[in-house]
Amino acid sequence: MIDADERKIGIDKFLLVNPPLDLAYAFAKVDEWGAFQNRFGRDKSQALVAKALGIVESFSKDNRSDLAVFDKLAKALSVFTTEELQFLIAEDLQALLPELVYVTQGIHD
């Protein structure tokens, strides 16, 4: 509401995600999915992350109000197996965690 009035950030839409009810379970899943790196090996894991980043970046300037963009993105990401997607989700969460903790501490301070 503050940004809608002051327009300092410029966010028009928000997607709010509630934390999981069982944080221990969620962290165990992230750890389990992150452990796929051991099975894939370092080189394949790095290649998966690079490929996923390339796909996401190729859509970064597209109009997000165009639903066809999401269809194309979904098709591009469909090249990954379920385990590879789980690994990529875990990698993303682990990469973002320090920033999330920092922002959360700033809000609470």
N, C-alpha and C. Protein backbone atom coordinates (compact mmCIF):
# COMPACT_ATOMS: atom_id res chain seq x y z
N MET A 1 0.82 -1.19 0.00
CA MET A 1 0.00 0.00 0.00
C MET A 1 0.87 1.25 0.00
N ILE A 2 1.98 1.19 0.75
CA ILE A 2 2.86 2.36 0.80
C ILE A 2 3.46 2.63 -0.57
N ASP A 3 3.90 1.57 -1.26
CA ASP A 3 4.48 1.77 -2.58
C ASP A 3 3.44 2.26 -3.58
N ALA A 4 2.21 1.82 -3.43
CA ALA A 4 1.15 2.31 -4.33
C ALA A 4 0.98 3.81 -4.18
N ASP A 5 1.15 4.32 -2.95
CA ASP A 5 1.02 5.77 -2.71
C ASP A 5 2.30 6.53 -3.08
N GLU A 6 3.45 6.00 -2.67
CA GLU A 6 4.71 6.75 -2.83
C GLU A 6 5.46 6.44 -4.11
N ARG A 7 5.22 5.25 -4.72
CA ARG A 7 5.86 4.84 -5.97
C ARG A 7 7.39 4.89 -5.90
N LYS A 8 7.95 4.56 -4.75
CA LYS A 8 9.42 4.55 -4.60
C LYS A 8 10.03 3.28 -5.17
N ILE A 9 9.32 2.17 -5.08
CA ILE A 9 9.85 0.90 -5.57
C ILE A 9 9.33 0.63 -6.98
N GLY A 10 8.08 0.88 -7.22
CA GLY A 10 7.51 0.69 -8.55
C GLY A 10 7.00 -0.71 -8.83
N ILE A 11 6.53 -1.39 -7.81
CA ILE A 11 5.99 -2.73 -7.99
C ILE A 11 4.48 -2.61 -8.18
N ASP A 12 4.00 -3.19 -9.29
CA ASP A 12 2.57 -3.12 -9.57
C ASP A 12 1.81 -4.33 -9.05
N LYS A 13 2.44 -5.49 -9.08
CA LYS A 13 1.78 -6.71 -8.62
C LYS A 13 2.71 -7.45 -7.67
N PHE A 14 2.11 -8.15 -6.72
CA PHE A 14 2.86 -8.92 -5.75
C PHE A 14 2.38 -10.36 -5.77
N LEU A 15 3.30 -11.26 -5.55
CA LEU A 15 2.95 -12.66 -5.32
C LEU A 15 3.49 -12.99 -3.93
N LEU A 16 2.58 -13.19 -3.00
CA LEU A 16 2.97 -13.49 -1.63
C LEU A 16 2.86 -14.99 -1.41
N VAL A 17 3.91 -15.57 -0.89
CA VAL A 17 3.94 -17.00 -0.64
C VAL A 17 4.07 -17.21 0.86
N ASN A 18 3.12 -17.91 1.41
CA ASN A 18 3.17 -18.19 2.84
C ASN A 18 4.27 -19.21 3.11
N PRO A 19 4.93 -19.07 4.25
CA PRO A 19 5.93 -20.10 4.58
C PRO A 19 5.24 -21.44 4.82
N PRO A 20 5.95 -22.52 4.58
CA PRO A 20 5.34 -23.83 4.82
C PRO A 20 5.00 -23.99 6.30
N LEU A 21 4.00 -24.79 6.57
CA LEU A 21 3.59 -25.00 7.95
C LEU A 21 4.63 -25.76 8.75
N ASP A 22 5.35 -26.63 8.11
CA ASP A 22 6.36 -27.45 8.79
C ASP A 22 7.73 -27.08 8.23
N LEU A 23 8.39 -26.12 8.87
CA LEU A 23 9.68 -25.65 8.38
C LEU A 23 10.74 -26.73 8.39
N ALA A 24 10.71 -27.59 9.39
CA ALA A 24 11.70 -28.68 9.44
C ALA A 24 11.55 -29.58 8.21
N TYR A 25 10.32 -29.88 7.84
CA TYR A 25 10.07 -30.70 6.64
C TYR A 25 10.57 -29.98 5.40
N ALA A 26 10.26 -28.69 5.31
CA ALA A 26 10.67 -27.91 4.13
C ALA A 26 12.18 -27.87 4.00
N PHE A 27 12.88 -27.62 5.11
CA PHE A 27 14.35 -27.59 5.05
C PHE A 27 14.92 -28.96 4.72
N ALA A 28 14.29 -30.01 5.23
CA ALA A 28 14.75 -31.37 4.91
C ALA A 28 14.59 -31.62 3.41
N LYS A 29 13.49 -31.16 2.81
CA LYS A 29 13.28 -31.33 1.38
C LYS A 29 14.32 -30.56 0.58
N VAL A 30 14.60 -29.32 0.98
CA VAL A 30 15.61 -28.52 0.28
C VAL A 30 16.96 -29.21 0.37
N ASP A 31 17.29 -29.74 1.55
CA ASP A 31 18.56 -30.47 1.69
C ASP A 31 18.57 -31.73 0.81
N GLU A 32 17.44 -32.44 0.80
CA GLU A 32 17.34 -33.66 -0.03
C GLU A 32 17.52 -33.31 -1.51
N TRP A 33 16.86 -32.26 -1.95
CA TRP A 33 16.96 -31.86 -3.35
C TRP A 33 18.34 -31.33 -3.68
N GLY A 34 18.94 -30.61 -2.74
CA GLY A 34 20.29 -30.10 -2.96
C GLY A 34 21.31 -31.22 -3.07
N ALA A 35 21.01 -32.36 -2.42
CA ALA A 35 21.93 -33.49 -2.45
C ALA A 35 21.99 -34.16 -3.82
N PHE A 36 21.07 -33.80 -4.72
CA PHE A 36 21.16 -34.33 -6.08
C PHE A 36 22.47 -33.91 -6.74
N GLN A 37 23.07 -32.85 -6.24
CA GLN A 37 24.37 -32.41 -6.77
C GLN A 37 25.40 -33.53 -6.63
N ASN A 38 25.32 -34.28 -5.55
CA ASN A 38 26.25 -35.40 -5.36
C ASN A 38 26.04 -36.48 -6.42
N ARG A 39 24.78 -36.73 -6.74
CA ARG A 39 24.47 -37.75 -7.74
C ARG A 39 24.83 -37.26 -9.15
N PHE A 40 24.52 -35.99 -9.44
CA PHE A 40 24.79 -35.46 -10.77
C PHE A 40 26.28 -35.23 -11.01
N GLY A 41 27.00 -34.90 -9.95
CA GLY A 41 28.40 -34.50 -10.09
C GLY A 41 28.52 -33.00 -10.29
N ARG A 42 29.68 -32.48 -10.01
CA ARG A 42 29.92 -31.04 -10.05
C ARG A 42 29.70 -30.46 -11.44
N ASP A 43 30.26 -31.11 -12.45
CA ASP A 43 30.17 -30.57 -13.81
C ASP A 43 28.73 -30.52 -14.33
N LYS A 44 28.00 -31.61 -14.14
CA LYS A 44 26.61 -31.64 -14.61
C LYS A 44 25.77 -30.64 -13.82
N SER A 45 26.01 -30.54 -12.51
CA SER A 45 25.26 -29.59 -11.68
C SER A 45 25.48 -28.17 -12.16
N GLN A 46 26.72 -27.82 -12.43
CA GLN A 46 27.02 -26.47 -12.93
C GLN A 46 26.39 -26.25 -14.30
N ALA A 47 26.40 -27.26 -15.13
CA ALA A 47 25.79 -27.15 -16.46
C ALA A 47 24.28 -26.97 -16.36
N LEU A 48 23.64 -27.67 -15.42
CA LEU A 48 22.20 -27.51 -15.22
C LEU A 48 21.85 -26.09 -14.78
N VAL A 49 22.62 -25.56 -13.84
CA VAL A 49 22.37 -24.20 -13.36
C VAL A 49 22.58 -23.20 -14.50
N ALA A 50 23.64 -23.37 -15.26
CA ALA A 50 23.91 -22.46 -16.37
C ALA A 50 22.80 -22.53 -17.42
N LYS A 51 22.33 -23.73 -17.72
CA LYS A 51 21.27 -23.89 -18.71
C LYS A 51 19.97 -23.24 -18.21
N ALA A 52 19.64 -23.46 -16.95
CA ALA A 52 18.43 -22.86 -16.38
C ALA A 52 18.52 -21.34 -16.36
N LEU A 53 19.68 -20.81 -15.97
CA LEU A 53 19.85 -19.36 -15.97
C LEU A 53 19.71 -18.79 -17.37
N GLY A 54 20.26 -19.48 -18.35
CA GLY A 54 20.14 -19.04 -19.74
C GLY A 54 18.69 -18.99 -20.19
N ILE A 55 17.92 -19.99 -19.80
CA ILE A 55 16.50 -20.02 -20.16
C ILE A 55 15.76 -18.86 -19.49
N VAL A 56 15.96 -18.71 -18.20
CA VAL A 56 15.26 -17.66 -17.46
C VAL A 56 15.67 -16.28 -17.98
N GLU A 57 16.95 -16.07 -18.20
CA GLU A 57 17.41 -14.77 -18.69
C GLU A 57 16.85 -14.46 -20.08
N SER A 58 16.65 -15.48 -20.90
CA SER A 58 16.12 -15.24 -22.24
C SER A 58 14.68 -14.73 -22.19
N PHE A 59 14.00 -14.95 -21.09
CA PHE A 59 12.63 -14.47 -20.92
C PHE A 59 12.55 -13.23 -20.03
N SER A 60 13.66 -12.74 -19.53
CA SER A 60 13.65 -11.68 -18.52
C SER A 60 13.08 -10.35 -19.02
N LYS A 61 13.15 -10.09 -20.31
CA LYS A 61 12.65 -8.82 -20.83
C LYS A 61 11.28 -8.95 -21.49
N ASP A 62 10.73 -10.16 -21.47
CA ASP A 62 9.42 -10.38 -22.08
C ASP A 62 8.32 -9.78 -21.21
N ASN A 63 7.21 -9.49 -21.83
CA ASN A 63 6.05 -8.92 -21.15
C ASN A 63 5.41 -9.98 -20.27
N ARG A 64 5.46 -9.79 -18.98
CA ARG A 64 4.95 -10.80 -18.06
C ARG A 64 3.43 -10.80 -17.96
N SER A 65 2.78 -9.85 -18.57
CA SER A 65 1.32 -9.88 -18.59
C SER A 65 0.81 -10.71 -19.77
N ASP A 66 1.71 -11.15 -20.63
CA ASP A 66 1.35 -11.98 -21.78
C ASP A 66 1.46 -13.45 -21.38
N LEU A 67 0.32 -14.11 -21.29
CA LEU A 67 0.31 -15.51 -20.84
C LEU A 67 1.06 -16.43 -21.78
N ALA A 68 1.19 -16.05 -23.04
CA ALA A 68 1.94 -16.88 -23.99
C ALA A 68 3.41 -16.98 -23.59
N VAL A 69 3.92 -15.95 -22.93
CA VAL A 69 5.31 -15.97 -22.45
C VAL A 69 5.50 -17.10 -21.45
N PHE A 70 4.52 -17.29 -20.57
CA PHE A 70 4.62 -18.34 -19.56
C PHE A 70 4.51 -19.73 -20.20
N ASP A 71 3.71 -19.83 -21.25
CA ASP A 71 3.65 -21.11 -21.98
C ASP A 71 5.00 -21.44 -22.60
N LYS A 72 5.64 -20.44 -23.21
CA LYS A 72 6.95 -20.66 -23.83
C LYS A 72 8.00 -21.01 -22.77
N LEU A 73 7.93 -20.32 -21.63
CA LEU A 73 8.88 -20.59 -20.55
C LEU A 73 8.69 -22.01 -20.03
N ALA A 74 7.45 -22.41 -19.82
CA ALA A 74 7.17 -23.77 -19.35
C ALA A 74 7.71 -24.81 -20.32
N LYS A 75 7.52 -24.57 -21.61
CA LYS A 75 8.04 -25.51 -22.61
C LYS A 75 9.57 -25.55 -22.59
N ALA A 76 10.19 -24.38 -22.41
CA ALA A 76 11.65 -24.33 -22.36
C ALA A 76 12.18 -25.08 -21.14
N LEU A 77 11.48 -24.98 -20.01
CA LEU A 77 11.91 -25.65 -18.78
C LEU A 77 11.57 -27.14 -18.77
N SER A 78 10.72 -27.57 -19.69
CA SER A 78 10.31 -28.97 -19.71
C SER A 78 11.44 -29.92 -20.12
N VAL A 79 12.57 -29.37 -20.53
CA VAL A 79 13.72 -30.23 -20.87
C VAL A 79 14.36 -30.84 -19.64
N PHE A 80 14.05 -30.29 -18.46
CA PHE A 80 14.63 -30.79 -17.22
C PHE A 80 13.77 -31.92 -16.64
N THR A 81 14.43 -32.90 -16.03
CA THR A 81 13.71 -33.96 -15.32
C THR A 81 13.19 -33.41 -14.00
N THR A 82 12.33 -34.17 -13.35
CA THR A 82 11.81 -33.76 -12.04
C THR A 82 12.95 -33.55 -11.05
N GLU A 83 13.89 -34.48 -11.00
CA GLU A 83 15.02 -34.36 -10.07
C GLU A 83 15.88 -33.15 -10.39
N GLU A 84 16.07 -32.86 -11.66
CA GLU A 84 16.86 -31.68 -12.04
C GLU A 84 16.14 -30.41 -11.63
N LEU A 85 14.83 -30.37 -11.79
CA LEU A 85 14.06 -29.19 -11.35
C LEU A 85 14.12 -29.05 -9.83
N GLN A 86 14.02 -30.16 -9.13
CA GLN A 86 14.12 -30.10 -7.67
C GLN A 86 15.49 -29.58 -7.24
N PHE A 87 16.52 -30.04 -7.90
CA PHE A 87 17.87 -29.56 -7.62
C PHE A 87 17.97 -28.05 -7.88
N LEU A 88 17.41 -27.60 -9.00
CA LEU A 88 17.47 -26.18 -9.35
C LEU A 88 16.70 -25.32 -8.35
N ILE A 89 15.56 -25.83 -7.88
CA ILE A 89 14.81 -25.10 -6.85
C ILE A 89 15.62 -24.99 -5.57
N ALA A 90 16.25 -26.09 -5.17
CA ALA A 90 17.08 -26.07 -3.96
C ALA A 90 18.26 -25.12 -4.11
N GLU A 91 18.90 -25.13 -5.27
CA GLU A 91 20.02 -24.23 -5.52
C GLU A 91 19.58 -22.77 -5.42
N ASP A 92 18.43 -22.47 -6.01
CA ASP A 92 17.91 -21.10 -5.98
C ASP A 92 17.58 -20.67 -4.55
N LEU A 93 16.91 -21.54 -3.81
CA LEU A 93 16.58 -21.20 -2.42
C LEU A 93 17.83 -20.99 -1.58
N GLN A 94 18.82 -21.84 -1.76
CA GLN A 94 20.05 -21.71 -0.98
C GLN A 94 20.82 -20.45 -1.37
N ALA A 95 20.74 -20.06 -2.62
CA ALA A 95 21.42 -18.84 -3.06
C ALA A 95 20.73 -17.59 -2.51
N LEU A 96 19.40 -17.65 -2.38
CA LEU A 96 18.64 -16.49 -1.91
C LEU A 96 18.55 -16.39 -0.40
N LEU A 97 18.82 -17.46 0.30
CA LEU A 97 18.64 -17.49 1.75
C LEU A 97 19.41 -16.39 2.48
N PRO A 98 20.70 -16.16 2.18
CA PRO A 98 21.40 -15.09 2.90
C PRO A 98 20.73 -13.72 2.73
N GLU A 99 20.26 -13.40 1.54
CA GLU A 99 19.59 -12.12 1.32
C GLU A 99 18.27 -12.07 2.08
N LEU A 100 17.54 -13.18 2.10
CA LEU A 100 16.28 -13.24 2.81
C LEU A 100 16.50 -13.02 4.31
N VAL A 101 17.51 -13.65 4.86
CA VAL A 101 17.82 -13.47 6.28
C VAL A 101 18.21 -12.02 6.56
N TYR A 102 19.03 -11.44 5.70
CA TYR A 102 19.46 -10.05 5.87
C TYR A 102 18.26 -9.10 5.86
N VAL A 103 17.38 -9.24 4.90
CA VAL A 103 16.21 -8.37 4.81
C VAL A 103 15.29 -8.58 6.01
N THR A 104 15.09 -9.84 6.39
CA THR A 104 14.24 -10.13 7.53
C THR A 104 14.80 -9.52 8.81
N GLN A 105 16.11 -9.61 8.99
CA GLN A 105 16.72 -8.99 10.17
C GLN A 105 16.56 -7.47 10.13
N GLY A 106 16.69 -6.90 8.95
CA GLY A 106 16.52 -5.45 8.81
C GLY A 106 15.11 -5.02 9.16
N ILE A 107 14.14 -5.80 8.75
CA ILE A 107 12.74 -5.47 9.05
C ILE A 107 12.49 -5.57 10.54
N HIS A 108 13.02 -6.63 11.16
CA HIS A 108 12.77 -6.82 12.59
C HIS A 108 13.57 -5.85 13.45
N ASP A 109 14.71 -5.39 12.96
CA ASP A 109 15.50 -4.41 13.73
C ASP A 109 14.83 -3.06 13.68
